[in-house]
C-alpha cells in the first residue's frame, strides 16, 4: 500500500498503471498528458515557431527555467509527443521534433490561439486572428506540410508583448 500512495513510484510505471488516472474522461486524460502551460508552449514552439533546440526554447521569451524545460521535454518524449534526434551536422546537439501524436494537436492549439485572442487582451493583431479564423483548414494543412517536410520556417509571428521579439527588434 505504501508504494501505491507514492507518486514517484506510481508515475514511474507509465502505461502499466492506467488506474492512476483521475478518471476515464478523454479531456482529463489529455490534460494529464500535456495540460500544463510549459508543455503546450513547447509544442506550440515546435509546431509554429520553428524551434528545434533546447537553446531556442530557453530564448523563446516565455521565461521557462532550464530545469522545467528539461523535465517537460523528457515528459513529452516519454508520452510520445516529441522525439529527440541527434543533429546531423553537430553530433553534440539534439533537435526536437513533433511526432504524429504531437502534430495532431495542431487543431487544439489553433483553437486555443483564436479563443485567447477573442476573449483576452493579447499581443496578436486582430487582422491576423481573423485570418486564422477564416482559414482554419488551410492553416492546419500548412502546419502539417511544414512538419512533414521538416520546414522550420515560423508560421506565426512573434506577438507584440513577446519578450523574445522585443529583444530581436531593439
N, C-alpha and C. Protein backbone atom coordinates (compact mmCIF):
# COMPACT_ATOMS: atom_id res chain seq x y z
N UNK A 1 0.81 -1.18 0.00
CA UNK A 1 0.00 0.00 0.00
C UNK A 1 0.86 1.26 0.00
N UNK A 2 2.03 1.18 0.64
CA UNK A 2 2.92 2.34 0.68
C UNK A 2 3.30 2.77 -0.74
N UNK A 3 3.61 1.82 -1.62
CA UNK A 3 4.01 2.15 -2.97
C UNK A 3 2.88 2.78 -3.78
N UNK A 4 1.66 2.34 -3.56
CA UNK A 4 0.52 2.88 -4.29
C UNK A 4 0.29 4.35 -3.98
N UNK A 5 0.71 4.81 -2.82
CA UNK A 5 0.49 6.21 -2.47
C UNK A 5 1.70 7.08 -2.77
N UNK A 6 2.79 6.50 -3.24
CA UNK A 6 4.00 7.26 -3.56
C UNK A 6 3.94 7.66 -5.03
N UNK A 7 3.71 8.97 -5.32
CA UNK A 7 3.53 9.40 -6.70
C UNK A 7 4.75 9.15 -7.58
N UNK A 8 5.96 9.19 -7.03
CA UNK A 8 7.15 8.95 -7.83
C UNK A 8 7.18 7.52 -8.34
N UNK A 9 6.78 6.60 -7.51
CA UNK A 9 6.78 5.19 -7.91
C UNK A 9 5.63 4.93 -8.88
N UNK A 10 4.44 5.43 -8.56
CA UNK A 10 3.28 5.19 -9.41
C UNK A 10 3.48 5.84 -10.77
N UNK A 11 3.93 7.11 -10.80
CA UNK A 11 4.13 7.80 -12.07
C UNK A 11 5.21 7.13 -12.91
N UNK A 12 6.19 6.56 -12.28
CA UNK A 12 7.28 5.92 -12.99
C UNK A 12 6.86 4.67 -13.73
N UNK A 13 5.70 4.14 -13.43
CA UNK A 13 5.24 2.92 -14.07
C UNK A 13 4.60 3.17 -15.42
N UNK A 14 4.29 4.43 -15.73
CA UNK A 14 3.77 4.79 -17.04
C UNK A 14 2.50 4.07 -17.40
N UNK A 15 2.50 3.45 -18.55
CA UNK A 15 1.30 2.81 -19.08
C UNK A 15 0.89 1.57 -18.31
N UNK A 16 1.77 1.04 -17.47
CA UNK A 16 1.44 -0.18 -16.74
C UNK A 16 0.30 0.03 -15.76
N UNK A 17 0.15 1.24 -15.26
CA UNK A 17 -0.90 1.51 -14.29
C UNK A 17 -1.85 2.59 -14.78
N UNK A 18 -2.73 2.25 -15.68
CA UNK A 18 -3.72 3.21 -16.17
C UNK A 18 -4.67 3.62 -15.05
N UNK A 19 -4.76 2.83 -14.00
CA UNK A 19 -5.69 3.12 -12.91
C UNK A 19 -5.27 4.35 -12.09
N UNK A 20 -4.07 4.89 -12.33
CA UNK A 20 -3.66 6.08 -11.59
C UNK A 20 -4.30 7.34 -12.15
N UNK A 21 -4.99 7.25 -13.26
CA UNK A 21 -5.67 8.40 -13.83
C UNK A 21 -6.86 8.79 -12.98
N UNK A 22 -7.14 10.10 -12.96
CA UNK A 22 -8.25 10.61 -12.15
C UNK A 22 -9.59 10.06 -12.62
N UNK A 23 -9.71 9.93 -13.95
CA UNK A 23 -10.97 9.42 -14.48
C UNK A 23 -10.71 8.87 -15.88
N UNK A 24 -11.74 8.33 -16.47
CA UNK A 24 -11.64 7.83 -17.83
C UNK A 24 -12.03 8.87 -18.86
N UNK A 25 -12.29 10.10 -18.41
CA UNK A 25 -12.70 11.18 -19.30
C UNK A 25 -11.56 11.55 -20.25
N UNK A 26 -11.80 11.58 -21.56
CA UNK A 26 -10.75 11.93 -22.50
C UNK A 26 -10.12 13.32 -22.25
N UNK A 27 -10.92 14.28 -21.81
CA UNK A 27 -10.36 15.61 -21.52
C UNK A 27 -9.40 15.51 -20.34
N UNK A 28 -9.79 14.82 -19.30
CA UNK A 28 -8.94 14.66 -18.12
C UNK A 28 -7.64 13.93 -18.47
N UNK A 29 -7.74 12.87 -19.24
CA UNK A 29 -6.56 12.11 -19.64
C UNK A 29 -5.64 12.97 -20.49
N UNK A 30 -6.20 13.71 -21.44
CA UNK A 30 -5.40 14.60 -22.29
C UNK A 30 -4.67 15.64 -21.45
N UNK A 31 -5.37 16.25 -20.53
CA UNK A 31 -4.75 17.28 -19.68
C UNK A 31 -3.66 16.70 -18.79
N UNK A 32 -3.82 15.48 -18.35
CA UNK A 32 -2.77 14.83 -17.55
C UNK A 32 -1.51 14.66 -18.38
N UNK A 33 -1.65 14.45 -19.69
CA UNK A 33 -0.50 14.18 -20.55
C UNK A 33 0.21 15.45 -21.01
N UNK A 34 -0.56 16.50 -21.37
CA UNK A 34 0.09 17.68 -21.93
C UNK A 34 -0.50 18.99 -21.41
N UNK A 35 -1.25 18.94 -20.34
CA UNK A 35 -2.06 20.07 -19.93
C UNK A 35 -1.40 21.21 -19.18
N UNK A 36 -0.12 21.15 -18.89
CA UNK A 36 0.46 22.30 -18.22
C UNK A 36 0.95 23.30 -19.27
N UNK A 37 1.07 24.55 -18.88
CA UNK A 37 1.39 25.59 -19.86
C UNK A 37 2.72 25.36 -20.55
N UNK A 38 3.72 24.89 -19.82
CA UNK A 38 5.04 24.73 -20.44
C UNK A 38 5.02 23.69 -21.54
N UNK A 39 4.33 22.59 -21.31
CA UNK A 39 4.26 21.55 -22.34
C UNK A 39 3.57 22.07 -23.60
N UNK A 40 2.48 22.78 -23.42
CA UNK A 40 1.77 23.31 -24.58
C UNK A 40 2.58 24.38 -25.31
N UNK A 41 3.34 25.18 -24.56
CA UNK A 41 4.18 26.19 -25.21
C UNK A 41 5.33 25.57 -25.98
N UNK A 42 5.89 24.49 -25.45
CA UNK A 42 6.94 23.77 -26.17
C UNK A 42 6.36 23.19 -27.47
N UNK A 43 5.19 22.58 -27.38
CA UNK A 43 4.54 22.03 -28.57
C UNK A 43 4.24 23.15 -29.56
N UNK A 44 3.74 24.28 -29.07
CA UNK A 44 3.49 25.44 -29.94
C UNK A 44 4.77 25.86 -30.66
N UNK A 45 5.86 25.98 -29.89
CA UNK A 45 7.12 26.45 -30.48
C UNK A 45 7.66 25.49 -31.53
N UNK A 46 7.50 24.22 -31.31
CA UNK A 46 7.90 23.23 -32.30
C UNK A 46 7.01 23.31 -33.54
N UNK A 47 5.73 23.50 -33.30
CA UNK A 47 4.74 23.43 -34.36
C UNK A 47 4.72 24.66 -35.25
N UNK A 48 4.75 25.85 -34.68
CA UNK A 48 4.51 27.04 -35.49
C UNK A 48 5.60 28.10 -35.42
N UNK A 49 6.55 27.94 -34.51
CA UNK A 49 7.63 28.92 -34.44
C UNK A 49 8.95 28.39 -35.00
N UNK A 50 8.99 27.11 -35.33
CA UNK A 50 10.16 26.52 -35.97
C UNK A 50 11.29 26.21 -35.01
N UNK A 51 11.03 26.19 -33.72
CA UNK A 51 12.08 25.89 -32.76
C UNK A 51 12.43 24.42 -32.81
N UNK A 52 13.71 24.11 -32.55
CA UNK A 52 14.16 22.73 -32.56
C UNK A 52 15.10 22.40 -31.41
N UNK A 53 15.77 23.39 -30.85
CA UNK A 53 16.82 23.12 -29.87
C UNK A 53 16.47 23.62 -28.48
N UNK A 54 17.13 23.05 -27.51
CA UNK A 54 16.98 23.46 -26.11
C UNK A 54 17.22 24.96 -25.98
N UNK A 55 18.26 25.45 -26.63
CA UNK A 55 18.61 26.87 -26.56
C UNK A 55 17.48 27.75 -27.10
N UNK A 56 16.87 27.35 -28.20
CA UNK A 56 15.76 28.12 -28.76
C UNK A 56 14.58 28.19 -27.79
N UNK A 57 14.28 27.08 -27.13
CA UNK A 57 13.20 27.10 -26.15
C UNK A 57 13.54 28.02 -24.99
N UNK A 58 14.78 27.97 -24.53
CA UNK A 58 15.21 28.84 -23.43
C UNK A 58 15.09 30.31 -23.79
N UNK A 59 15.36 30.63 -25.05
CA UNK A 59 15.35 32.02 -25.50
C UNK A 59 14.01 32.44 -26.10
N UNK A 60 12.97 31.65 -25.90
CA UNK A 60 11.67 31.91 -26.52
C UNK A 60 10.98 33.15 -25.99
N UNK A 61 11.41 33.65 -24.85
CA UNK A 61 10.76 34.81 -24.27
C UNK A 61 9.70 34.47 -23.25
N UNK A 62 9.46 33.20 -23.03
CA UNK A 62 8.44 32.77 -22.07
C UNK A 62 8.97 32.73 -20.64
N UNK A 63 10.28 32.66 -20.49
CA UNK A 63 10.88 32.66 -19.15
C UNK A 63 10.91 31.29 -18.48
N UNK A 64 10.96 30.23 -19.25
CA UNK A 64 10.98 28.90 -18.67
C UNK A 64 12.37 28.61 -18.07
N UNK A 65 12.38 28.08 -16.87
CA UNK A 65 13.64 27.70 -16.22
C UNK A 65 14.19 26.45 -16.90
N UNK A 66 15.50 26.33 -16.93
CA UNK A 66 16.12 25.20 -17.63
C UNK A 66 15.73 23.85 -17.03
N UNK A 67 15.58 23.79 -15.70
CA UNK A 67 15.19 22.52 -15.09
C UNK A 67 13.75 22.13 -15.48
N UNK A 68 12.88 23.11 -15.58
CA UNK A 68 11.49 22.85 -16.00
C UNK A 68 11.48 22.43 -17.47
N UNK A 69 12.25 23.12 -18.29
CA UNK A 69 12.33 22.77 -19.71
C UNK A 69 12.83 21.35 -19.90
N UNK A 70 13.88 21.00 -19.19
CA UNK A 70 14.42 19.64 -19.27
C UNK A 70 13.35 18.62 -18.89
N UNK A 71 12.65 18.88 -17.80
CA UNK A 71 11.61 17.97 -17.33
C UNK A 71 10.49 17.83 -18.36
N UNK A 72 10.01 18.95 -18.91
CA UNK A 72 8.90 18.88 -19.86
C UNK A 72 9.32 18.21 -21.16
N UNK A 73 10.53 18.46 -21.62
CA UNK A 73 10.99 17.77 -22.83
C UNK A 73 11.03 16.26 -22.60
N UNK A 74 11.52 15.84 -21.44
CA UNK A 74 11.57 14.41 -21.12
C UNK A 74 10.16 13.83 -21.03
N UNK A 75 9.25 14.53 -20.39
CA UNK A 75 7.86 14.05 -20.28
C UNK A 75 7.18 13.95 -21.63
N UNK A 76 7.36 15.00 -22.45
CA UNK A 76 6.75 14.98 -23.78
C UNK A 76 7.30 13.85 -24.64
N UNK A 77 8.59 13.59 -24.49
CA UNK A 77 9.19 12.48 -25.24
C UNK A 77 8.67 11.14 -24.72
N UNK A 78 8.61 10.98 -23.40
CA UNK A 78 8.12 9.72 -22.82
C UNK A 78 6.66 9.46 -23.19
N UNK A 79 5.87 10.53 -23.32
CA UNK A 79 4.46 10.38 -23.68
C UNK A 79 4.25 10.24 -25.18
N UNK A 80 5.32 10.36 -25.97
CA UNK A 80 5.22 10.15 -27.41
C UNK A 80 4.81 11.37 -28.21
N UNK A 81 4.87 12.59 -27.62
CA UNK A 81 4.52 13.80 -28.36
C UNK A 81 5.68 14.33 -29.19
N UNK A 82 6.90 14.10 -28.71
CA UNK A 82 8.09 14.59 -29.40
C UNK A 82 9.13 13.49 -29.45
N UNK A 83 10.11 13.69 -30.30
CA UNK A 83 11.26 12.80 -30.37
C UNK A 83 12.51 13.67 -30.37
N UNK A 84 13.56 13.15 -29.79
CA UNK A 84 14.85 13.84 -29.77
C UNK A 84 15.75 13.17 -30.79
N UNK A 85 16.35 13.97 -31.66
CA UNK A 85 17.21 13.45 -32.71
C UNK A 85 18.57 14.14 -32.63
N UNK A 86 19.63 13.37 -32.74
CA UNK A 86 20.97 13.95 -32.77
C UNK A 86 21.13 14.72 -34.07
N UNK A 87 21.63 15.94 -33.97
CA UNK A 87 21.83 16.80 -35.13
C UNK A 87 22.87 16.18 -36.07
N UNK A 88 22.57 16.11 -37.35
CA UNK A 88 23.48 15.52 -38.34
C UNK A 88 24.77 16.31 -38.48
N UNK A 89 24.69 17.63 -38.33
CA UNK A 89 25.86 18.47 -38.53
C UNK A 89 26.70 18.65 -37.27
N UNK A 90 26.07 18.49 -36.10
CA UNK A 90 26.79 18.63 -34.83
C UNK A 90 26.31 17.53 -33.89
N UNK A 91 27.04 16.46 -33.81
CA UNK A 91 26.63 15.27 -33.05
C UNK A 91 26.43 15.57 -31.56
N UNK A 92 26.91 16.71 -31.07
CA UNK A 92 26.72 17.08 -29.65
C UNK A 92 25.37 17.74 -29.41
N UNK A 93 24.71 18.13 -30.48
CA UNK A 93 23.45 18.87 -30.39
C UNK A 93 22.26 17.95 -30.64
N UNK A 94 21.16 18.26 -29.96
CA UNK A 94 19.93 17.49 -30.10
C UNK A 94 18.86 18.41 -30.67
N UNK A 95 18.13 17.91 -31.65
CA UNK A 95 16.98 18.62 -32.20
C UNK A 95 15.72 17.87 -31.78
N UNK A 96 14.71 18.63 -31.41
CA UNK A 96 13.43 18.04 -31.03
C UNK A 96 12.47 18.18 -32.20
N UNK A 97 11.61 17.19 -32.31
CA UNK A 97 10.65 17.17 -33.41
C UNK A 97 9.35 16.55 -32.90
N UNK A 98 8.24 17.11 -33.37
CA UNK A 98 6.95 16.53 -33.03
C UNK A 98 6.78 15.18 -33.71
N UNK A 99 6.09 14.29 -33.03
CA UNK A 99 5.69 13.02 -33.61
C UNK A 99 4.31 13.21 -34.25
N UNK A 100 3.78 12.18 -34.85
CA UNK A 100 2.42 12.24 -35.38
C UNK A 100 1.44 12.60 -34.26
N UNK A 101 1.63 12.03 -33.10
CA UNK A 101 0.77 12.32 -31.95
C UNK A 101 0.87 13.81 -31.58
N UNK A 102 2.05 14.36 -31.66
CA UNK A 102 2.25 15.77 -31.34
C UNK A 102 1.64 16.70 -32.36
N UNK A 103 1.84 16.41 -33.64
CA UNK A 103 1.32 17.28 -34.69
C UNK A 103 -0.21 17.22 -34.73
N UNK A 104 -0.78 16.14 -34.24
CA UNK A 104 -2.24 16.04 -34.17
C UNK A 104 -2.86 17.02 -33.19
N UNK A 105 -2.03 17.70 -32.40
CA UNK A 105 -2.52 18.75 -31.50
C UNK A 105 -2.70 20.09 -32.21
N UNK A 106 -2.36 20.18 -33.48
CA UNK A 106 -2.46 21.45 -34.21
C UNK A 106 -3.86 22.08 -34.13
N UNK A 107 -4.93 21.33 -34.34
CA UNK A 107 -6.25 21.96 -34.24
C UNK A 107 -6.54 22.50 -32.83
N UNK A 108 -6.07 21.79 -31.82
CA UNK A 108 -6.28 22.21 -30.43
C UNK A 108 -5.56 23.54 -30.19
N UNK A 109 -4.30 23.63 -30.61
CA UNK A 109 -3.53 24.85 -30.40
C UNK A 109 -4.09 26.02 -31.20
N UNK A 110 -4.53 25.75 -32.42
CA UNK A 110 -5.13 26.81 -33.23
C UNK A 110 -6.37 27.36 -32.55
N UNK A 111 -7.21 26.49 -32.05
CA UNK A 111 -8.43 26.95 -31.38
C UNK A 111 -8.11 27.69 -30.07
N UNK A 112 -7.08 27.25 -29.34
CA UNK A 112 -6.67 27.98 -28.13
C UNK A 112 -6.18 29.39 -28.49
N UNK A 113 -5.42 29.49 -29.56
CA UNK A 113 -4.92 30.78 -30.00
C UNK A 113 -6.09 31.71 -30.37
N UNK A 114 -7.01 31.22 -31.15
CA UNK A 114 -8.16 32.02 -31.56
C UNK A 114 -9.02 32.39 -30.36
N UNK A 115 -9.29 31.43 -29.50
CA UNK A 115 -10.11 31.68 -28.31
C UNK A 115 -9.45 32.73 -27.41
N UNK A 116 -8.15 32.56 -27.15
CA UNK A 116 -7.45 33.51 -26.29
C UNK A 116 -7.48 34.92 -26.84
N UNK A 117 -7.29 35.06 -28.14
CA UNK A 117 -7.30 36.38 -28.76
C UNK A 117 -8.70 36.99 -28.79
N UNK A 118 -9.70 36.14 -28.87
CA UNK A 118 -11.08 36.62 -28.90
C UNK A 118 -11.55 37.10 -27.53
N UNK A 119 -11.10 36.44 -26.48
CA UNK A 119 -11.64 36.71 -25.15
C UNK A 119 -10.71 37.44 -24.20
N UNK A 120 -9.46 37.60 -24.56
CA UNK A 120 -8.50 38.27 -23.68
C UNK A 120 -7.69 39.28 -24.49
N UNK A 121 -7.11 40.22 -23.79
CA UNK A 121 -6.21 41.16 -24.44
C UNK A 121 -4.87 40.46 -24.67
N UNK A 122 -4.46 40.40 -25.92
CA UNK A 122 -3.21 39.71 -26.27
C UNK A 122 -2.38 40.60 -27.18
N UNK A 123 -1.21 40.14 -27.53
CA UNK A 123 -0.36 40.85 -28.47
C UNK A 123 -0.62 40.48 -29.91
N UNK A 124 -1.64 39.67 -30.15
CA UNK A 124 -1.95 39.22 -31.50
C UNK A 124 -2.79 40.27 -32.23
N UNK A 125 -2.38 40.59 -33.44
CA UNK A 125 -3.12 41.55 -34.25
C UNK A 125 -4.48 40.96 -34.63
N UNK A 126 -5.52 41.78 -34.53
CA UNK A 126 -6.87 41.28 -34.83
C UNK A 126 -6.99 40.80 -36.27
N UNK A 127 -6.29 41.44 -37.21
CA UNK A 127 -6.34 41.00 -38.61
C UNK A 127 -5.73 39.61 -38.75
N UNK A 128 -4.66 39.36 -38.01
CA UNK A 128 -4.02 38.03 -38.06
C UNK A 128 -4.97 36.97 -37.52
N UNK A 129 -5.61 37.24 -36.40
CA UNK A 129 -6.54 36.29 -35.80
C UNK A 129 -7.73 36.06 -36.73
N UNK A 130 -8.23 37.12 -37.35
CA UNK A 130 -9.34 36.97 -38.30
C UNK A 130 -8.94 36.06 -39.46
N UNK A 131 -7.70 36.20 -39.92
CA UNK A 131 -7.20 35.34 -41.00
C UNK A 131 -7.15 33.88 -40.55
N UNK A 132 -6.69 33.65 -39.31
CA UNK A 132 -6.66 32.29 -38.79
C UNK A 132 -8.06 31.70 -38.69
N UNK A 133 -9.01 32.49 -38.18
CA UNK A 133 -10.38 32.02 -38.05
C UNK A 133 -10.98 31.66 -39.40
N UNK A 134 -10.75 32.50 -40.37
CA UNK A 134 -11.35 32.32 -41.69
C UNK A 134 -10.72 31.15 -42.45
N UNK A 135 -9.45 30.88 -42.20
CA UNK A 135 -8.70 29.90 -42.97
C UNK A 135 -8.19 28.73 -42.14
N UNK A 136 -8.99 28.27 -41.19
CA UNK A 136 -8.56 27.19 -40.29
C UNK A 136 -7.97 26.00 -41.04
N UNK A 137 -8.71 25.49 -42.00
CA UNK A 137 -8.27 24.27 -42.71
C UNK A 137 -6.96 24.48 -43.45
N UNK A 138 -6.81 25.63 -44.10
CA UNK A 138 -5.57 25.93 -44.82
C UNK A 138 -4.40 26.07 -43.86
N UNK A 139 -4.62 26.70 -42.72
CA UNK A 139 -3.57 26.87 -41.72
C UNK A 139 -3.13 25.50 -41.20
N UNK A 140 -4.09 24.66 -40.88
CA UNK A 140 -3.77 23.32 -40.37
C UNK A 140 -3.04 22.48 -41.43
N UNK A 141 -3.44 22.62 -42.67
CA UNK A 141 -2.75 21.90 -43.76
C UNK A 141 -1.30 22.39 -43.88
N UNK A 142 -1.09 23.69 -43.72
CA UNK A 142 0.26 24.25 -43.81
C UNK A 142 1.12 23.80 -42.63
N UNK A 143 0.53 23.74 -41.44
CA UNK A 143 1.26 23.24 -40.27
C UNK A 143 1.71 21.81 -40.53
N UNK A 144 0.83 20.98 -41.02
CA UNK A 144 1.17 19.57 -41.29
C UNK A 144 2.20 19.46 -42.41
N UNK A 145 2.06 20.26 -43.46
CA UNK A 145 3.03 20.23 -44.56
C UNK A 145 4.43 20.57 -44.05
N UNK A 146 4.51 21.63 -43.26
CA UNK A 146 5.82 22.04 -42.72
C UNK A 146 6.40 20.94 -41.85
N UNK A 147 5.55 20.29 -41.07
CA UNK A 147 6.03 19.19 -40.22
C UNK A 147 6.55 18.04 -41.08
N UNK A 148 5.77 17.65 -42.08
CA UNK A 148 6.17 16.53 -42.94
C UNK A 148 7.47 16.82 -43.68
N UNK A 149 7.63 18.06 -44.12
CA UNK A 149 8.82 18.43 -44.89
C UNK A 149 9.97 18.93 -44.01
N UNK A 150 9.77 18.89 -42.71
CA UNK A 150 10.79 19.37 -41.76
C UNK A 150 11.17 20.82 -42.03
N UNK A 151 10.19 21.60 -42.41
CA UNK A 151 10.37 23.01 -42.69
C UNK A 151 10.21 23.78 -41.38
N UNK A 152 11.29 24.39 -40.92
CA UNK A 152 11.24 25.08 -39.63
C UNK A 152 10.98 26.58 -39.77
N UNK A 153 10.50 27.01 -40.94
CA UNK A 153 10.13 28.41 -41.12
C UNK A 153 8.97 28.72 -40.18
N UNK A 154 9.08 29.78 -39.37
CA UNK A 154 7.98 30.11 -38.45
C UNK A 154 6.68 30.38 -39.21
N UNK A 155 5.59 29.88 -38.67
CA UNK A 155 4.27 30.07 -39.27
C UNK A 155 3.56 31.28 -38.68
N UNK A 156 3.78 31.52 -37.40
CA UNK A 156 3.12 32.66 -36.77
C UNK A 156 4.17 33.69 -36.36
N UNK A 157 3.77 34.95 -36.34
CA UNK A 157 4.72 35.99 -35.93
C UNK A 157 4.88 36.00 -34.42
N UNK A 158 5.94 36.65 -33.96
CA UNK A 158 6.05 36.91 -32.53
C UNK A 158 5.02 37.98 -32.21
N UNK A 159 4.37 37.84 -31.09
CA UNK A 159 3.34 38.80 -30.72
C UNK A 159 3.96 39.98 -30.00
N UNK A 160 3.31 41.12 -30.04
CA UNK A 160 3.91 42.39 -29.61
C UNK A 160 4.41 42.41 -28.18
N UNK A 161 3.82 41.66 -27.29
CA UNK A 161 4.32 41.66 -25.91
C UNK A 161 5.24 40.48 -25.62
N UNK A 162 5.71 39.83 -26.66
CA UNK A 162 6.63 38.71 -26.56
C UNK A 162 8.04 39.25 -26.30
N UNK A 163 8.61 38.93 -25.15
CA UNK A 163 9.93 39.45 -24.76
C UNK A 163 11.01 39.10 -25.77
N UNK A 164 10.96 37.91 -26.34
CA UNK A 164 11.97 37.48 -27.32
C UNK A 164 11.91 38.38 -28.55
N UNK A 165 10.69 38.70 -28.98
CA UNK A 165 10.50 39.59 -30.12
C UNK A 165 11.07 40.97 -29.81
N UNK A 166 10.81 41.48 -28.63
CA UNK A 166 11.32 42.81 -28.25
C UNK A 166 12.83 42.84 -28.27
N UNK A 167 13.45 41.76 -27.79
CA UNK A 167 14.90 41.70 -27.76
C UNK A 167 15.46 41.73 -29.19
N UNK A 168 14.79 41.05 -30.12
CA UNK A 168 15.26 41.00 -31.51
C UNK A 168 15.16 42.36 -32.18
N UNK A 169 14.11 43.13 -31.84
CA UNK A 169 13.87 44.39 -32.53
C UNK A 169 14.56 45.57 -31.88
N UNK A 170 15.19 45.40 -30.74
CA UNK A 170 15.86 46.52 -30.09
C UNK A 170 17.26 46.72 -30.64
